[in-house]
Protein backbone atom coordinates (compact mmCIF):
# COMPACT_ATOMS: atom_id res chain seq x y z
CA UNK A 1 -88.54 128.57 37.32
CA UNK A 2 -85.63 130.57 37.79
CA UNK A 3 -82.84 129.09 36.03
CA UNK A 4 -78.97 129.37 36.27
CA UNK A 5 -75.94 127.84 34.61
CA UNK A 6 -72.46 127.64 36.52
CA UNK A 7 -69.60 127.38 34.12
CA UNK A 8 -66.87 124.86 35.98
CA UNK A 9 -66.94 122.30 38.71
CA UNK A 10 -64.21 123.53 40.95
CA UNK A 11 -64.96 123.84 44.66
CA UNK A 12 -66.44 127.41 44.04
CA UNK A 13 -68.58 126.39 41.07
CA UNK A 14 -69.79 123.58 43.18
CA UNK A 15 -70.57 125.21 46.40
CA UNK A 16 -72.03 127.96 44.32
CA UNK A 17 -74.49 125.60 42.35
CA UNK A 18 -75.24 123.69 45.80
CA UNK A 19 -76.24 127.03 47.38
CA UNK A 20 -78.63 128.27 44.35
CA UNK A 21 -80.40 124.67 44.00
CA UNK A 22 -80.93 124.72 47.80
CA UNK A 23 -82.87 128.06 47.42
CA UNK A 24 -84.92 126.55 44.40
CA UNK A 25 -83.04 127.62 41.44
CA UNK A 26 -82.52 125.06 38.66
CA UNK A 27 -79.14 125.12 38.14
CA UNK A 28 -76.79 123.09 35.74
CA UNK A 29 -73.12 122.86 36.25
CA UNK A 30 -71.08 122.88 32.86
CA UNK A 31 -67.28 121.06 33.24
CA UNK A 32 -65.27 120.65 30.14
CA UNK A 33 -63.25 117.96 32.10
CA UNK A 34 -63.96 114.26 32.26
CA UNK A 35 -64.59 114.36 35.96
CA UNK A 36 -65.72 117.41 38.46
CA UNK A 37 -63.21 119.21 40.90
CA UNK A 38 -61.18 121.74 38.70
CA UNK A 39 -58.06 122.10 40.42
CA UNK A 40 -59.23 119.54 42.91
CA UNK A 41 -59.07 116.59 40.05
CA UNK A 42 -57.63 113.31 40.67
CA UNK A 43 -56.00 110.34 39.07
CA UNK A 44 -55.72 106.64 39.65
CA UNK A 45 -52.44 104.89 38.28
CA UNK A 46 -50.89 101.35 39.00
CA UNK A 47 -53.56 101.00 42.17
CA UNK A 48 -52.62 104.49 43.73
CA UNK A 49 -54.72 107.39 44.08
CA UNK A 50 -53.18 110.97 43.30
CA UNK A 51 -55.04 114.22 44.53
CA UNK A 52 -54.07 116.92 42.15
CA UNK A 53 -54.71 119.54 45.01
CA UNK A 54 -55.67 121.23 47.12
CA UNK A 55 -55.05 118.77 49.92
CA UNK A 56 -55.12 121.30 52.99
CA UNK A 57 -58.60 121.72 54.29
CA UNK A 58 -59.45 124.21 56.97
CA UNK A 59 -62.56 125.51 58.23
CA UNK A 60 -64.74 122.74 57.97
CA UNK A 61 -67.60 124.50 58.95
CA UNK A 62 -67.75 126.44 55.91
CA UNK A 63 -68.24 122.99 53.88
CA UNK A 64 -70.83 121.43 56.35
CA UNK A 65 -72.90 124.59 55.83
CA UNK A 66 -73.55 123.49 52.31
CA UNK A 67 -75.25 120.27 53.71
CA UNK A 68 -76.97 122.12 56.42
CA UNK A 69 -78.90 124.48 54.01
CA UNK A 70 -81.12 121.38 53.29
CA UNK A 71 -81.14 119.89 56.49
CA UNK A 72 -78.50 117.39 55.66
CA UNK A 73 -75.48 116.15 57.36
CA UNK A 74 -71.85 116.53 55.41
CA UNK A 75 -70.84 113.09 57.45
CA UNK A 76 -73.36 111.06 55.10
CA UNK A 77 -71.01 111.82 52.44
CA UNK A 78 -67.83 112.76 53.56
CA UNK A 79 -65.51 111.43 56.48
CA UNK A 80 -62.87 114.08 57.28
CA UNK A 81 -59.94 113.06 59.65
CA UNK A 82 -57.97 115.55 61.24
CA UNK A 83 -54.28 115.89 60.50
CA UNK A 84 -51.76 116.63 63.36
CA UNK A 85 -49.01 118.31 63.20
CA UNK A 86 -50.74 120.42 60.64
CA UNK A 87 -47.45 120.43 59.04
CA UNK A 88 -43.79 119.43 59.85
CA UNK A 89 -41.45 122.16 58.65
CA UNK A 90 -38.07 121.16 57.50
CA UNK A 91 -34.79 122.98 56.80
CA UNK A 92 -31.51 121.90 54.90
CA UNK A 93 -29.66 121.94 58.52
CA UNK A 94 -31.97 119.26 59.65
CA UNK A 95 -34.19 121.33 61.95
CA UNK A 96 -37.73 120.30 62.08
CA UNK A 97 -40.61 122.23 63.52
CA UNK A 98 -44.16 120.59 64.33
CA UNK A 99 -47.00 123.09 63.42
CA UNK A 100 -49.84 122.71 65.40
CA UNK A 101 -52.53 124.10 67.31
CA UNK A 102 -51.45 122.30 70.74
CA UNK A 103 -50.55 125.30 72.59
CA UNK A 104 -47.93 122.98 74.77
CA UNK A 105 -46.51 121.40 71.97
CA UNK A 106 -46.09 124.55 69.83
CA UNK A 107 -44.34 126.59 72.55
CA UNK A 108 -41.94 123.99 72.93
CA UNK A 109 -41.17 123.71 69.35
CA UNK A 110 -40.90 127.70 69.15
CA UNK A 111 -38.59 127.27 72.39
CA UNK A 112 -36.32 125.13 70.54
CA UNK A 113 -35.92 127.96 68.00
CA UNK A 114 -35.61 130.81 70.44
CA UNK A 115 -37.36 130.88 73.86
CA UNK A 116 -37.41 134.72 73.79
CA UNK A 117 -39.89 134.23 70.76
CA UNK A 118 -42.85 132.51 72.93
CA UNK A 119 -43.98 135.91 74.06
CA UNK A 120 -43.81 137.32 70.69
CA UNK A 121 -45.72 134.49 69.42
CA UNK A 122 -48.38 135.29 71.69
CA UNK A 123 -48.76 138.95 70.45
CA UNK A 124 -48.86 137.78 67.12
CA UNK A 125 -51.70 135.26 67.59
CA UNK A 126 -53.78 138.07 69.18
CA UNK A 127 -52.95 139.96 65.77
CA UNK A 128 -53.81 137.19 63.81
CA UNK A 129 -57.09 136.78 65.91
CA UNK A 130 -58.11 140.28 65.11
CA UNK A 131 -57.35 140.23 61.36
CA UNK A 132 -59.46 136.98 61.19
CA UNK A 133 -62.31 138.69 62.81
CA UNK A 134 -62.12 141.76 60.62
CA UNK A 135 -61.06 139.81 57.31
CA UNK A 136 -62.48 136.53 57.40
CA UNK A 137 -65.80 136.76 59.54
CA UNK A 138 -66.69 140.13 58.58
CA UNK A 139 -65.68 140.90 55.14
CA UNK A 140 -64.88 137.37 53.57
CA UNK A 141 -68.32 136.47 52.62
CA UNK A 142 -69.44 140.38 51.39
CA UNK A 143 -69.51 140.89 47.95
CA UNK A 144 -67.54 144.50 46.93
CA UNK A 145 -69.71 145.64 44.03
CA UNK A 146 -68.65 149.65 44.48
CA UNK A 147 -65.79 151.56 45.90
CA UNK A 148 -67.99 152.81 48.55
CA UNK A 149 -67.85 149.18 50.09
CA UNK A 150 -63.81 149.28 50.14
CA UNK A 151 -63.93 152.59 51.84
CA UNK A 152 -66.37 151.22 54.68
CA UNK A 153 -63.66 148.54 54.94
CA UNK A 154 -61.03 150.78 55.29
CA UNK A 155 -60.62 151.56 58.82
CA UNK A 156 -60.41 147.95 59.68
CA UNK A 157 -57.61 147.40 57.18
CA UNK A 158 -55.92 150.61 58.32
CA UNK A 159 -56.29 149.08 62.06
CA UNK A 160 -54.10 146.09 61.02
CA UNK A 161 -51.77 148.06 58.94
CA UNK A 162 -53.03 145.86 55.83
CA UNK A 163 -50.50 147.95 53.33
CA UNK A 164 -47.51 145.93 55.38
CA UNK A 165 -46.58 142.49 54.20
CA UNK A 166 -47.02 139.11 55.96
CA UNK A 167 -43.54 138.51 56.49
CA UNK A 168 -42.89 142.08 57.64
CA UNK A 169 -45.72 141.99 60.22
CA UNK A 170 -44.57 138.76 61.32
CA UNK A 171 -41.00 140.30 61.82
CA UNK A 172 -42.52 142.53 64.26
CA UNK A 173 -43.40 140.10 66.68
CA UNK A 174 -40.55 137.16 66.43
CA UNK A 175 -37.02 137.35 65.50
CA UNK A 176 -35.89 133.99 65.01
CA UNK A 177 -35.60 133.62 60.90
CA UNK A 178 -37.08 129.99 60.92
CA UNK A 179 -39.88 131.20 62.92
CA UNK A 180 -40.61 134.00 60.76
CA UNK A 181 -40.74 131.58 57.80
CA UNK A 182 -42.70 129.31 59.55
CA UNK A 183 -45.47 132.09 60.42
CA UNK A 184 -45.44 133.58 56.98
CA UNK A 185 -45.34 130.70 54.26
CA UNK A 186 -49.15 130.36 54.25
CA UNK A 187 -49.65 132.74 51.82
CA UNK A 188 -47.79 130.30 49.44
CA UNK A 189 -50.87 128.10 49.79
CA UNK A 190 -52.82 130.71 48.04
CA UNK A 191 -50.66 131.93 45.38
CA UNK A 192 -49.27 135.23 47.31
CA UNK A 193 -45.81 135.89 48.19
CA UNK A 194 -45.39 136.32 51.79
CA UNK A 195 -42.98 139.35 51.17
CA UNK A 196 -45.68 141.32 49.17
CA UNK A 197 -49.14 139.59 50.41
CA UNK A 198 -50.87 142.01 53.02
CA UNK A 199 -50.66 141.32 56.46
CA UNK A 200 -54.52 140.45 56.35
CA UNK A 201 -53.55 137.28 55.14
CA UNK A 202 -51.86 136.54 58.60
CA UNK A 203 -55.61 135.49 59.27
CA UNK A 204 -54.59 132.07 57.83
CA UNK A 205 -52.56 131.22 61.26
CA UNK A 206 -55.97 131.84 63.41
CA UNK A 207 -58.36 130.13 60.81
CA UNK A 208 -56.35 126.86 60.91
CA UNK A 209 -55.50 127.04 64.88
CA UNK A 210 -59.34 127.26 65.40
CA UNK A 211 -60.62 125.08 62.82
CA UNK A 212 -58.05 122.59 62.45
CA UNK A 213 -56.52 120.64 59.34
CA UNK A 214 -58.52 118.13 57.79
CA UNK A 215 -58.22 115.40 55.36
CA UNK A 216 -61.10 113.82 53.54
CA UNK A 217 -60.76 109.83 53.80
CA UNK A 218 -60.11 108.76 50.20
CA UNK A 219 -58.43 112.01 49.37
CA UNK A 220 -59.86 115.39 48.44
CA UNK A 221 -61.54 113.87 45.36
CA UNK A 222 -64.19 112.32 47.89
CA UNK A 223 -65.20 115.91 49.17
CA UNK A 224 -65.54 116.77 45.82
CA UNK A 225 -67.61 113.25 44.81
CA UNK A 226 -69.89 114.36 48.16
CA UNK A 227 -70.18 117.84 46.81
CA UNK A 228 -71.45 116.52 43.75
CA UNK A 229 -73.88 113.74 45.42
CA UNK A 230 -75.57 116.51 47.35
CA UNK A 231 -76.10 118.82 44.50
CA UNK A 232 -77.42 115.82 42.54
CA UNK A 233 -79.85 114.80 45.34
CA UNK A 234 -81.37 118.49 45.54
CA UNK A 235 -82.08 118.18 41.99
CA UNK A 236 -79.27 119.72 40.25
CA UNK A 237 -77.68 118.39 36.48
CA UNK A 238 -73.98 118.28 35.91
CA UNK A 239 -72.83 117.92 32.30
CA UNK A 240 -68.99 116.50 32.16
CA UNK A 241 -66.76 116.85 29.25
CA UNK A 242 -68.38 119.26 27.15
CA UNK A 243 -66.43 122.81 27.38
CA UNK A 244 -68.22 126.12 27.17
CA UNK A 245 -67.47 127.72 24.10
CA UNK A 246 -69.78 130.96 24.13
CA UNK A 247 -71.76 132.93 26.86
CA UNK A 248 -74.27 134.55 24.50
CA UNK A 249 -75.19 138.20 25.18
CA UNK A 250 -77.82 140.82 24.20
CA UNK A 251 -77.13 144.27 25.39
CA UNK A 252 -76.33 144.02 28.97
CA UNK A 253 -77.44 140.74 29.89
CA UNK A 254 -76.50 137.24 29.23
CA UNK A 255 -78.98 135.03 27.28
CA UNK A 256 -77.59 131.60 26.92
CA UNK A 257 -74.53 129.12 27.05
CA UNK A 258 -73.21 127.26 24.53
CA UNK A 259 -70.80 124.17 24.59
CA UNK A 260 -68.47 122.49 22.02
CA UNK A 261 -70.94 119.39 21.77
CA UNK A 262 -73.75 122.06 20.44
CA UNK A 263 -75.90 121.92 23.64
CA UNK A 264 -77.37 125.44 24.35
CA UNK A 265 -79.30 126.45 27.60
CA UNK A 266 -81.17 129.50 27.73
CA UNK A 267 -81.01 130.99 31.44
CA UNK A 268 -81.48 133.72 33.68
CA UNK A 269 -78.25 133.71 35.26
CA UNK A 270 -74.56 132.79 34.50
CA UNK A 271 -71.94 131.93 37.17
CA UNK A 272 -68.36 131.58 35.97
CA UNK A 273 -66.16 129.39 37.92
CA UNK A 274 -63.96 129.54 34.69
CA UNK A 275 -60.83 131.24 34.69
CA UNK A 276 -61.67 135.06 34.86
CA UNK A 277 -59.29 135.86 31.55
CA UNK A 278 -60.48 133.21 29.41
CA UNK A 279 -64.51 133.66 30.48
CA UNK A 280 -63.88 137.49 29.50
CA UNK A 281 -61.34 136.93 26.24
CA UNK A 282 -62.85 133.76 24.89
CA UNK A 283 -66.36 132.77 25.94
CA UNK A 284 -67.65 136.62 25.96
CA UNK A 285 -65.75 137.51 22.61
CA UNK A 286 -69.13 139.26 21.32
CA UNK A 287 -69.38 141.48 24.11
CA UNK A 288 -67.42 144.93 23.85
CA UNK A 289 -67.79 145.35 27.56
CA UNK A 290 -66.03 141.91 27.91
CA UNK A 291 -63.27 142.75 25.76
CA UNK A 292 -62.34 146.07 27.91
CA UNK A 293 -62.50 143.80 30.95
CA UNK A 294 -60.22 141.26 29.61
CA UNK A 295 -57.76 144.05 28.47
CA UNK A 296 -57.44 145.58 32.06
CA UNK A 297 -57.24 141.90 33.63
CA UNK A 298 -54.29 141.32 31.32
CA UNK A 299 -52.53 144.02 32.83
CA UNK A 300 -52.61 142.88 36.47
CA UNK A 301 -50.19 140.48 38.25
CA UNK A 302 -50.61 136.84 38.61
CA UNK A 303 -49.97 134.18 41.26
CA UNK A 304 -47.20 131.80 40.08
CA UNK A 305 -47.77 128.46 38.87
CA UNK A 306 -46.45 125.35 40.20
CA UNK A 307 -44.51 122.17 39.38
CA UNK A 308 -45.80 118.89 40.64
CA UNK A 309 -44.30 115.58 40.69
CA UNK A 310 -46.90 112.69 41.95
CA UNK A 311 -45.23 109.34 42.96
CA UNK A 312 -46.21 106.06 44.19
CA UNK A 313 -43.28 103.83 46.16
CA UNK A 314 -42.83 100.88 47.68
CA UNK A 315 -42.58 100.89 51.75
CA UNK A 316 -44.40 103.17 54.33
CA UNK A 317 -43.12 106.01 56.02
CA UNK A 318 -44.83 106.64 59.27
CA UNK A 319 -42.21 109.31 60.27
CA UNK A 320 -42.95 111.38 57.30
CA UNK A 321 -45.83 113.74 58.50
CA UNK A 322 -49.12 114.03 56.09
CA UNK A 323 -47.72 117.45 55.11
CA UNK A 324 -44.32 118.76 55.41
CA UNK A 325 -42.57 121.92 53.99
CA UNK A 326 -39.11 121.57 53.01
CA UNK A 327 -37.57 124.81 52.76
CA UNK A 328 -34.52 125.37 50.71
CA UNK A 329 -31.19 127.34 51.56
CA UNK A 330 -33.03 130.99 50.40
CA UNK A 331 -36.13 132.33 51.48
CA UNK A 332 -36.62 136.11 50.50
CA UNK A 333 -34.35 135.72 47.27
CA UNK A 334 -36.20 132.41 45.95
CA UNK A 335 -39.69 134.45 46.30
CA UNK A 336 -38.20 137.32 44.31
CA UNK A 337 -36.76 134.73 41.83
CA UNK A 338 -40.20 133.03 41.45
CA UNK A 339 -42.48 136.32 41.59
CA UNK A 340 -40.38 139.08 40.38
CA UNK A 341 -37.52 137.88 38.19
CA UNK A 342 -39.09 134.93 36.45
CA UNK A 343 -36.01 132.52 37.23
CA UNK A 344 -36.02 128.78 37.42
CA UNK A 345 -33.69 128.75 40.66
CA UNK A 346 -31.22 125.50 40.96
CA UNK A 347 -32.80 125.70 44.74
CA UNK A 348 -36.33 125.21 45.66
CA UNK A 349 -38.79 125.00 48.53
CA UNK A 350 -41.27 122.24 48.39
CA UNK A 351 -44.70 121.29 50.02
CA UNK A 352 -44.62 117.69 50.34
CA UNK A 353 -48.03 115.51 50.38
CA UNK A 354 -48.18 112.12 52.14
CA UNK A 355 -51.76 111.31 52.41
CA UNK A 356 -51.22 107.38 52.96
CA UNK A 357 -49.61 108.18 56.69
CA UNK A 358 -53.42 109.18 57.21
CA UNK A 359 -55.31 106.86 54.92
CA UNK A 360 -53.29 103.93 53.65
CA UNK A 361 -56.40 102.99 51.02
CA UNK A 362 -54.67 105.79 48.68
CA UNK A 363 -51.80 102.87 47.59
CA UNK A 364 -51.46 99.09 47.61
CA UNK A 365 -50.88 97.55 50.55
CA UNK A 366 -46.97 98.46 52.14
CA UNK A 367 -47.00 101.48 49.68
CA UNK A 368 -47.07 104.91 49.93
CA UNK A 369 -48.75 107.80 47.85
CA UNK A 370 -46.78 111.32 47.96
CA UNK A 371 -46.59 114.32 45.57
CA UNK A 372 -44.14 117.11 46.13
CA UNK A 373 -44.98 120.60 44.74
CA UNK A 374 -42.54 123.34 43.86
CA UNK A 375 -43.82 126.94 43.31
CA UNK A 376 -42.51 128.02 39.98
CA UNK A 377 -42.68 131.17 37.67
CA UNK A 378 -45.92 131.63 35.61
CA UNK A 379 -45.57 131.43 31.83
CA UNK A 380 -45.55 135.16 31.47
CA UNK A 381 -42.25 135.31 33.17
CA UNK A 382 -40.56 132.06 32.07
CA UNK A 383 -42.14 131.14 28.80
CA UNK A 384 -40.19 127.90 28.13
CA UNK A 385 -40.99 124.53 26.77
CA UNK A 386 -42.02 122.47 30.08
CA UNK A 387 -42.08 119.21 28.24
CA UNK A 388 -37.94 119.70 28.13
CA UNK A 389 -37.77 120.73 31.47
CA UNK A 390 -40.41 118.79 33.44
CA UNK A 391 -37.84 115.61 33.53
CA UNK A 392 -34.84 117.72 34.83
CA UNK A 393 -37.14 119.36 37.43
CA UNK A 394 -38.63 115.99 38.30
CA UNK A 395 -35.21 114.44 38.91
CA UNK A 396 -33.81 117.48 40.92
CA UNK A 397 -36.95 117.21 43.12
CA UNK A 398 -37.07 113.62 43.72
CA UNK A 399 -33.14 113.91 44.61
CA UNK A 400 -33.79 116.48 46.83
CA UNK A 401 -36.37 114.29 48.78
CA UNK A 402 -33.98 111.52 48.81
CA UNK A 403 -31.21 113.66 50.22
CA UNK A 404 -33.42 114.92 53.00
CA UNK A 405 -36.10 111.85 53.48
CA UNK A 406 -35.95 109.06 51.85
CA UNK A 407 -32.23 107.94 50.63
CA UNK A 408 -33.37 105.19 47.87
CA UNK A 409 -36.36 106.65 46.59
CA UNK A 410 -35.53 106.37 42.92
CA UNK A 411 -35.05 102.40 43.66
CA UNK A 412 -38.60 102.14 45.38
CA UNK A 413 -40.54 104.27 42.63
CA UNK A 414 -43.22 102.26 41.27
CA UNK A 415 -45.04 104.91 39.22
CA UNK A 416 -44.58 108.75 38.74
CA UNK A 417 -45.59 111.81 36.63
CA UNK A 418 -45.46 115.39 36.63
CA UNK A 419 -47.80 118.35 36.15
CA UNK A 420 -46.59 121.64 34.79
CA UNK A 421 -47.18 125.06 34.02
CA UNK A 422 -48.44 124.30 30.38
CA UNK A 423 -50.42 121.58 32.02
CA UNK A 424 -52.34 124.14 33.92
CA UNK A 425 -52.77 126.34 31.16
CA UNK A 426 -53.99 123.65 28.95
CA UNK A 427 -56.34 121.58 31.10
CA UNK A 428 -57.66 124.64 33.08
CA UNK A 429 -57.48 127.74 30.71
CA UNK A 430 -55.41 129.31 33.33
CA UNK A 431 -53.95 132.98 32.14
CA UNK A 432 -50.22 132.30 31.80
CA UNK A 433 -50.51 128.97 33.49
CA UNK A 434 -51.30 130.75 36.88
CA UNK A 435 -52.23 128.10 39.51
CA UNK A 436 -54.23 130.74 41.72
CA UNK A 437 -55.43 133.17 39.47
CA UNK A 438 -54.80 137.02 40.21
CA UNK A 439 -51.99 137.65 43.09
CA UNK A 440 -53.24 138.40 46.31
CA UNK A 441 -51.90 141.70 46.84
CA UNK A 442 -53.70 144.71 48.76
CA UNK A 443 -54.15 146.39 45.50
CA UNK A 444 -56.11 143.24 44.00
CA UNK A 445 -57.86 142.20 46.62
CA UNK A 446 -61.52 142.87 47.84
CA UNK A 447 -63.02 145.68 45.27
CA UNK A 448 -59.65 145.80 43.55
CA UNK A 449 -60.48 142.08 42.42
CA UNK A 450 -62.86 140.47 39.94
CA UNK A 451 -66.32 141.48 41.34
CA UNK A 452 -68.86 138.73 42.25
CA UNK A 453 -71.36 140.37 39.91
CA UNK A 454 -69.84 142.02 36.85
CA UNK A 455 -70.14 145.77 36.49
CA UNK A 456 -71.61 145.72 32.95
CA UNK A 457 -73.22 142.63 32.41
CA UNK A 458 -76.12 142.49 35.08
CA UNK A 459 -76.88 138.78 35.39
CA UNK A 460 -73.10 137.55 34.44
CA UNK A 461 -71.72 136.22 38.15
CA UNK A 462 -68.15 135.21 39.06
CA UNK A 463 -67.21 132.83 41.55
CA UNK A 464 -63.85 131.02 42.52
CA UNK A 465 -60.15 131.88 42.99
CA UNK A 466 -59.95 135.06 40.69
CA UNK A 467 -63.10 136.80 42.80
CA UNK A 468 -63.15 138.04 46.11
CA UNK A 469 -62.35 136.79 48.49
CA UNK A 470 -59.42 134.69 46.92
CA UNK A 471 -58.02 131.21 46.61
CA UNK A 472 -57.66 128.49 48.95
CA UNK A 473 -60.69 126.22 49.73
CA UNK A 474 -62.24 128.60 52.69
CA UNK A 475 -61.53 131.36 49.88
CA UNK A 476 -63.62 129.90 47.04
CA UNK A 477 -66.45 128.64 49.21
CA UNK A 478 -66.76 131.96 50.85
CA UNK A 479 -66.71 133.39 47.26
CA UNK A 480 -69.83 131.17 46.54
CA UNK A 481 -71.35 132.49 49.70
CA UNK A 482 -71.04 135.93 48.38
CA UNK A 483 -72.43 135.28 45.04
CA UNK A 484 -75.00 133.24 45.76
CA UNK A 485 -76.29 136.10 47.96
CA UNK A 486 -76.42 138.53 45.00
CA UNK A 487 -78.05 136.04 42.60
CA UNK A 488 -80.59 135.38 45.15
CA UNK A 489 -81.37 139.01 45.57
CA UNK A 490 -79.96 138.81 48.93
CA UNK A 491 -76.71 140.80 48.39
């Protein structure tokens, strides 16, 4: 029987392992941490459940497909609940904008900002539908292994002016600055700067509009648990708490995987859901080809990191939406500080996650679970001591939430903790503490990204945020589909 090892139990690794096991490949997942999920880790503290993220589930069809491969039903393992509005956007002047796929409500929200932009939004929607069709449906699940594949895709990319940024493209259709922010911020959820990320990523709007925004009952961790349960029912094996220390090679072939505990597995194929630089630099240290790949990768641009403060508080807040974006006083300038200048600005924009408004079971009765997330420069641009900075950032973020939403927040807090760029680097071996791997610019997308199969080591594959098509749940699930096709000889 053909055997495979998948390194890392993030969404991409789990989805790939399910596809391989469903096709009859005996697959073992090896995960360094004590729980599966990768960036979708979770903690339970003082009766509260805290998802590390990601928490926005879109395109549920790509997840259901994993169960359908073996004639099973995702609903037996995971209950998805719709979230509406998708996001409530809030600005410092008190303006709120409810982002939804209900046309009547959305047009009313746009009209409150600028009635003249309703027609422009309709044109943007048509554009988004076009890039969704070309960039997601046609190219999102296809591996780009040679430059010819990129040339073949070029006409579609040119048709939609992929060289333009998302923000620039949105600005062609609408004039209100708040609406421009509302239609361009999504790239931040996959690590991209709206001012530089390719306009192809405007497809996210169509993806959400058609498929909705969902939340897994019990938290994102229950989606992870459901995927693990499916994989194990199929006969797959998962090893937790045992980090891979070496991918053994001979010539242009992987021969085995070795772990910290001394476990070793000879295998026909290896797929890495681990950090791309860590994989090439540390796990493949014996390979000259891998060292050259690591050198090239280290010269690329990486997405920012994140600072998160998780907190459980007394009281319930039905007026605070499940997903909120709290924009700061600056947009373009703040993004430049994060992506270009490496400055930890005194102002920030926040994503606020409030899951208990959808699922009260994530906190003790009469209480609420939250986290607030701020994009921050990665460690390569801001190499400071986060153990010193974390308490300062924590207070500043909670103060801002207090000013805008929960006036007595500090008095209500029962438990809290933060997660910093240093934690991304330590817990996930994330290069520079980046939260999303390579920055999704046009020249770091598709063929220009890490290939789903290595160019020099013929049975080494990659899955997850660092490879095509990129970060986000649909992105890494799509990478698993592309990589599985190669590993099963169907690509």
